Protein backbone atom coordinates (compact mmCIF):
# COMPACT_ATOMS: atom_id res chain seq x y z
CA MET A 1 -0.27 -0.07 -0.05
CA GLU A 2 1.12 3.91 -0.96
CA LYS A 3 2.03 5.53 2.35
CA THR A 4 0.24 9.08 2.17
CA ILE A 5 2.53 11.75 3.25
CA ASP A 6 0.29 14.44 5.53
CA LEU A 7 1.55 17.88 4.55
CA HIS A 8 -0.36 19.65 7.25
CA GLY A 9 0.89 17.00 9.96
CA GLU A 10 4.57 18.30 9.91
CA HIS A 11 5.83 19.91 13.37
CA HIS A 12 8.53 22.17 12.36
CA ARG A 13 11.26 23.16 15.01
CA LEU A 14 10.70 26.73 14.01
CA ASN A 15 6.89 26.37 15.32
CA ARG A 16 8.05 24.87 18.12
CA TYR A 17 10.36 27.72 18.82
CA ARG A 18 7.87 30.40 18.40
CA ARG A 19 5.88 28.88 21.48
CA LEU A 20 8.97 28.71 23.16
CA ARG A 21 10.25 32.17 22.43
CA ALA A 22 8.32 34.36 24.76
CA SER A 23 8.39 32.29 27.66
CA VAL A 24 12.73 31.59 27.84
CA LEU A 25 13.31 34.98 26.42
CA GLY A 26 11.28 36.48 29.97
CA ALA A 27 13.19 33.99 32.24
CA ILE A 28 16.34 35.26 30.70
CA ALA A 29 15.10 38.53 31.02
CA GLY A 30 14.51 38.41 34.69
CA LEU A 31 17.54 36.15 35.95
CA VAL A 32 19.99 38.25 34.42
CA ALA A 33 18.11 41.63 35.22
CA VAL A 34 17.56 40.73 39.09
CA SER A 35 21.08 39.21 39.40
CA SER A 36 22.84 41.96 37.26
CA LEU A 37 21.22 44.00 39.76
CA ILE A 38 21.94 42.51 43.32
CA SER A 39 25.65 42.28 41.53
CA GLY A 40 25.77 46.15 41.40
CA LEU A 41 24.47 47.07 44.53
CA VAL A 42 26.87 44.46 46.47
CA ALA A 43 29.69 45.98 44.45
CA SER A 44 28.26 49.11 45.60
CA GLY A 45 28.66 48.48 49.02
CA ALA A 46 24.77 48.15 49.75
CA PRO A 47 23.56 46.61 52.89
CA THR A 48 21.70 43.13 52.44
CA THR A 49 18.69 44.75 53.27
CA THR A 50 18.95 47.63 50.74
CA VAL A 51 19.60 44.93 48.40
CA LEU A 52 17.04 42.16 48.87
CA VAL A 53 14.25 44.94 48.89
CA THR A 54 15.24 46.78 45.81
CA GLY A 55 15.21 43.27 44.09
CA LEU A 56 11.81 42.53 45.15
CA ILE A 57 10.89 45.93 43.70
CA ALA A 58 12.81 45.26 40.19
CA LEU A 59 10.83 41.68 40.13
CA VAL A 60 7.58 43.24 40.52
CA ALA A 61 8.43 46.11 38.31
CA GLY A 62 10.04 44.11 35.56
CA THR A 63 7.28 41.04 35.60
CA LEU A 64 4.40 44.39 34.90
CA ALA A 65 6.24 46.72 32.78
CA LEU A 66 7.42 43.18 30.63
CA ALA A 67 3.41 42.13 30.13
CA ALA A 68 2.40 45.59 29.85
CA GLY A 69 4.47 45.93 27.26
CA GLN A 70 3.87 42.56 25.35
CA HIS A 71 -0.30 43.45 25.83
CA VAL A 72 0.58 47.01 23.71
CA ALA A 73 2.59 45.73 21.19
CA LEU A 74 0.72 43.04 20.39
CA ARG A 75 -2.31 45.15 20.45
CA LEU A 76 -0.49 47.58 18.51
CA ARG A 77 0.65 45.05 15.81
CA GLN A 78 -3.79 43.80 15.95
CA ASP A 79 -4.68 47.40 15.21
CA THR A 80 -1.96 47.89 12.17
CA GLU A 81 -3.18 44.42 10.63
CA ARG A 82 -6.86 45.53 10.46
CA ALA A 83 -5.85 48.91 9.23
CA ASP A 84 -3.86 47.86 6.71
CA LEU A 85 -6.62 45.07 5.34
CA GLU A 86 -9.07 48.08 5.32
CA MET A 87 -6.71 49.86 2.84
CA GLU A 88 -6.18 47.12 0.96
CA ALA A 89 -9.93 46.38 0.56
CA HIS A 90 -10.58 49.46 -0.45
CA GLU A 91 -8.10 49.96 -3.11
CA LEU A 92 -9.42 46.53 -4.23
CA GLU A 93 -12.82 48.12 -4.75
CA ILE A 94 -11.96 50.84 -6.59
CA ASN A 95 -8.53 49.85 -8.50
CA PHE A 96 -9.04 45.92 -9.04
CA GLU A 97 -7.00 45.77 -12.68
CA HIS A 98 -4.15 48.04 -10.75
CA GLU A 99 -3.90 45.55 -7.51
CA LEU A 100 -4.04 42.57 -10.11
CA ALA A 101 -0.76 43.69 -12.15
CA GLU A 102 1.02 44.29 -8.53
CA LEU A 103 -0.03 40.65 -8.15
CA ARG A 104 1.13 39.27 -11.45
CA ASP A 105 3.90 41.58 -11.32
CA ILE A 106 5.13 40.33 -7.54
CA TYR A 107 4.97 36.55 -9.19
CA VAL A 108 7.28 37.71 -11.95
CA SER A 109 9.75 38.98 -9.84
CA ARG A 110 9.81 34.98 -8.00
CA GLY A 111 10.40 33.61 -11.66
CA VAL A 112 7.53 33.15 -13.01
CA ASP A 113 6.91 33.94 -16.64
CA PRO A 114 4.30 36.67 -17.42
CA GLU A 115 1.65 34.68 -19.11
CA THR A 116 1.74 32.26 -15.99
CA ALA A 117 1.73 34.84 -13.45
CA GLU A 118 -1.02 36.51 -15.18
CA ARG A 119 -3.21 33.45 -15.06
CA VAL A 120 -2.16 32.76 -11.34
CA ALA A 121 -2.94 36.22 -10.24
CA ARG A 122 -6.49 36.34 -11.82
CA GLN A 123 -7.40 32.81 -10.26
CA MET A 124 -5.76 33.96 -6.49
CA MET A 125 -8.05 36.94 -6.90
CA ALA A 126 -11.20 35.26 -8.12
CA HIS A 127 -10.52 32.66 -5.39
CA ASP A 128 -9.47 35.44 -2.38
CA ALA A 129 -8.42 38.96 -3.30
CA LEU A 130 -7.91 40.60 0.10
CA GLY A 131 -6.03 37.00 0.91
CA ALA A 132 -4.05 36.93 -1.90
CA HIS A 133 -2.94 40.27 -1.41
CA ALA A 134 -2.27 40.42 2.39
CA ARG A 135 -0.08 37.12 1.63
CA GLU A 136 1.94 38.16 -1.43
CA GLU A 137 2.03 41.97 -0.81
CA MET A 138 2.01 42.79 2.69
CA GLY A 139 3.41 39.29 3.81
CA LEU A 140 1.11 38.50 5.93
CA HIS A 141 0.31 34.42 6.14
CA GLN A 142 -1.74 34.92 9.21
CA ILE A 143 -4.08 37.07 11.23
CA THR A 144 -2.53 37.58 14.41
CA ASP A 145 -5.72 36.37 16.64
CA THR A 146 -3.90 36.06 19.92
CA ARG A 147 -5.28 37.57 22.85
CA PRO A 148 -2.83 40.10 24.01
CA LEU A 149 -3.81 39.60 27.84
CA LEU A 150 -3.24 35.58 27.73
CA ALA A 151 0.10 36.32 25.80
CA ALA A 152 1.21 39.38 28.24
CA ILE A 153 0.21 37.19 31.22
CA PRO A 154 2.94 33.92 30.56
CA LEU A 155 5.70 36.58 29.75
CA GLY A 156 5.19 38.06 33.32
CA ALA A 157 5.18 35.02 34.76
CA ALA A 158 8.17 33.77 33.17
CA PHE A 159 10.28 36.76 33.84
CA ALA A 160 9.05 36.61 37.46
CA ALA A 161 10.51 32.79 37.65
CA GLY A 162 13.89 33.80 36.50
CA ALA A 163 13.75 36.94 38.54
CA ALA A 164 13.11 34.71 41.63
CA LEU A 165 16.24 32.57 41.76
CA PRO A 166 18.98 35.26 42.23
CA LEU A 167 16.89 36.88 44.93
CA LEU A 168 16.35 33.41 46.73
CA VAL A 169 19.86 33.32 46.38
CA GLY A 170 20.35 36.40 47.91
CA LEU A 171 18.08 35.56 51.12
CA LEU A 172 19.78 32.18 51.74
CA ALA A 173 22.98 33.07 50.97
CA PRO A 174 25.39 34.63 54.12
CA ALA A 175 25.97 38.34 53.17
CA GLY A 176 29.98 37.80 52.33
CA SER A 177 28.94 35.07 49.37
CA MET A 178 25.91 36.43 48.13
CA ALA A 179 27.14 38.21 44.93
CA LEU A 180 29.39 35.02 44.01
CA LEU A 181 26.72 32.64 44.74
CA THR A 182 24.40 34.51 42.62
CA PHE A 183 26.72 35.18 40.18
CA VAL A 184 27.82 31.23 39.86
CA LEU A 185 24.24 29.70 40.05
CA THR A 186 22.69 32.64 37.41
CA LEU A 187 25.36 31.40 35.08
CA LEU A 188 24.19 27.74 35.55
CA ALA A 189 20.48 28.92 35.19
CA LEU A 190 21.55 30.33 31.63
CA ALA A 191 23.52 27.46 30.51
CA VAL A 192 20.52 25.19 31.08
CA LEU A 193 18.09 27.67 29.72
CA GLY A 194 20.26 28.66 26.59
CA SER A 195 20.96 24.47 26.02
CA LEU A 196 17.32 23.71 26.25
CA SER A 197 16.23 26.38 23.59
CA SER A 198 18.75 25.97 21.47
CA ARG A 199 17.68 22.16 21.73
CA THR A 200 13.80 22.90 20.82
CA GLY A 201 15.29 24.71 17.60
CA GLY A 202 17.07 21.97 16.93
CA ALA A 203 20.26 24.11 17.54
CA SER A 204 23.61 23.36 18.80
CA MET A 205 23.10 23.02 22.91
CA LEU A 206 26.88 23.76 23.43
CA THR A 207 26.33 27.05 21.40
CA GLY A 208 23.61 28.30 22.92
CA GLY A 209 24.22 27.83 26.37
CA PHE A 210 27.61 29.64 25.63
CA ARG A 211 26.01 32.08 24.17
CA THR A 212 23.34 32.79 26.46
CA THR A 213 25.70 32.40 29.69
CA LEU A 214 28.35 34.54 27.88
CA TRP A 215 26.13 37.48 27.69
CA GLY A 216 24.84 36.90 31.44
CA ALA A 217 28.03 37.16 32.74
CA ALA A 218 29.44 40.24 30.69
CA THR A 219 25.95 41.93 31.86
CA MET A 220 26.59 41.31 35.35
CA GLY A 221 30.61 42.07 34.92
CA VAL A 222 29.14 45.50 33.71
CA THR A 223 27.20 46.23 36.35
CA ALA A 224 29.05 45.34 39.28
CA LEU A 225 31.96 47.30 37.72
CA VAL A 226 29.48 50.52 37.45
CA GLY A 227 27.99 50.14 41.04
CA ARG A 228 31.38 49.96 42.54
CA LEU A 229 32.63 53.56 40.11
CA ILE A 230 29.71 54.96 41.66
CA ALA A 231 30.08 54.09 44.99
CA THR A 232 33.55 55.17 44.61
CA VAL A 233 32.23 58.58 43.23
CA VAL A 234 29.11 58.85 45.42
């Protein structure tokens, strides 16, 4: 029996990465932001209580800011898509032949001969003119239908989860070793997150872990240096 290939059943790594991307980036952002803040404050000589209180405030503020930013950005994208589609629909009503020529020229620019491009453009316009122009002219293959609030909450939660680790370390670690333990455990967590995200995308786990760890270390190091410099000036 001949095996039937289900073209719609393919699960590409890119699709999995898109679903994972927001959560991973949120967790990494929270982890690096609060760890760097703690490193800077400790380097400046701030008391342990001040470090922990400031870190907690940063967790709350960062969580709300990231969630709000995601909500606003997604809402703006939906509004923009809707406005572009309305404008394109109006153009199709008042100047159909011009829009047909635009679609034909797009296919020609992609290597289709003019005669075939003309025929395909007419068929696509007859089937779904607005959909064809949304895909080919605007690159809009799928209308964004995600609810902004449902996208904002997981991103904020991921940030809070990442930010909670250095705060927990700061709370449990002795004052003298707080900065060192925060630095080491943050790098280990970043290595794990970077490796797992790379594995999900089909890339090298070693490269992903190293890249994430390197940037995290650089961020914490620079922040600690700035904290030390500010302490010497003030």
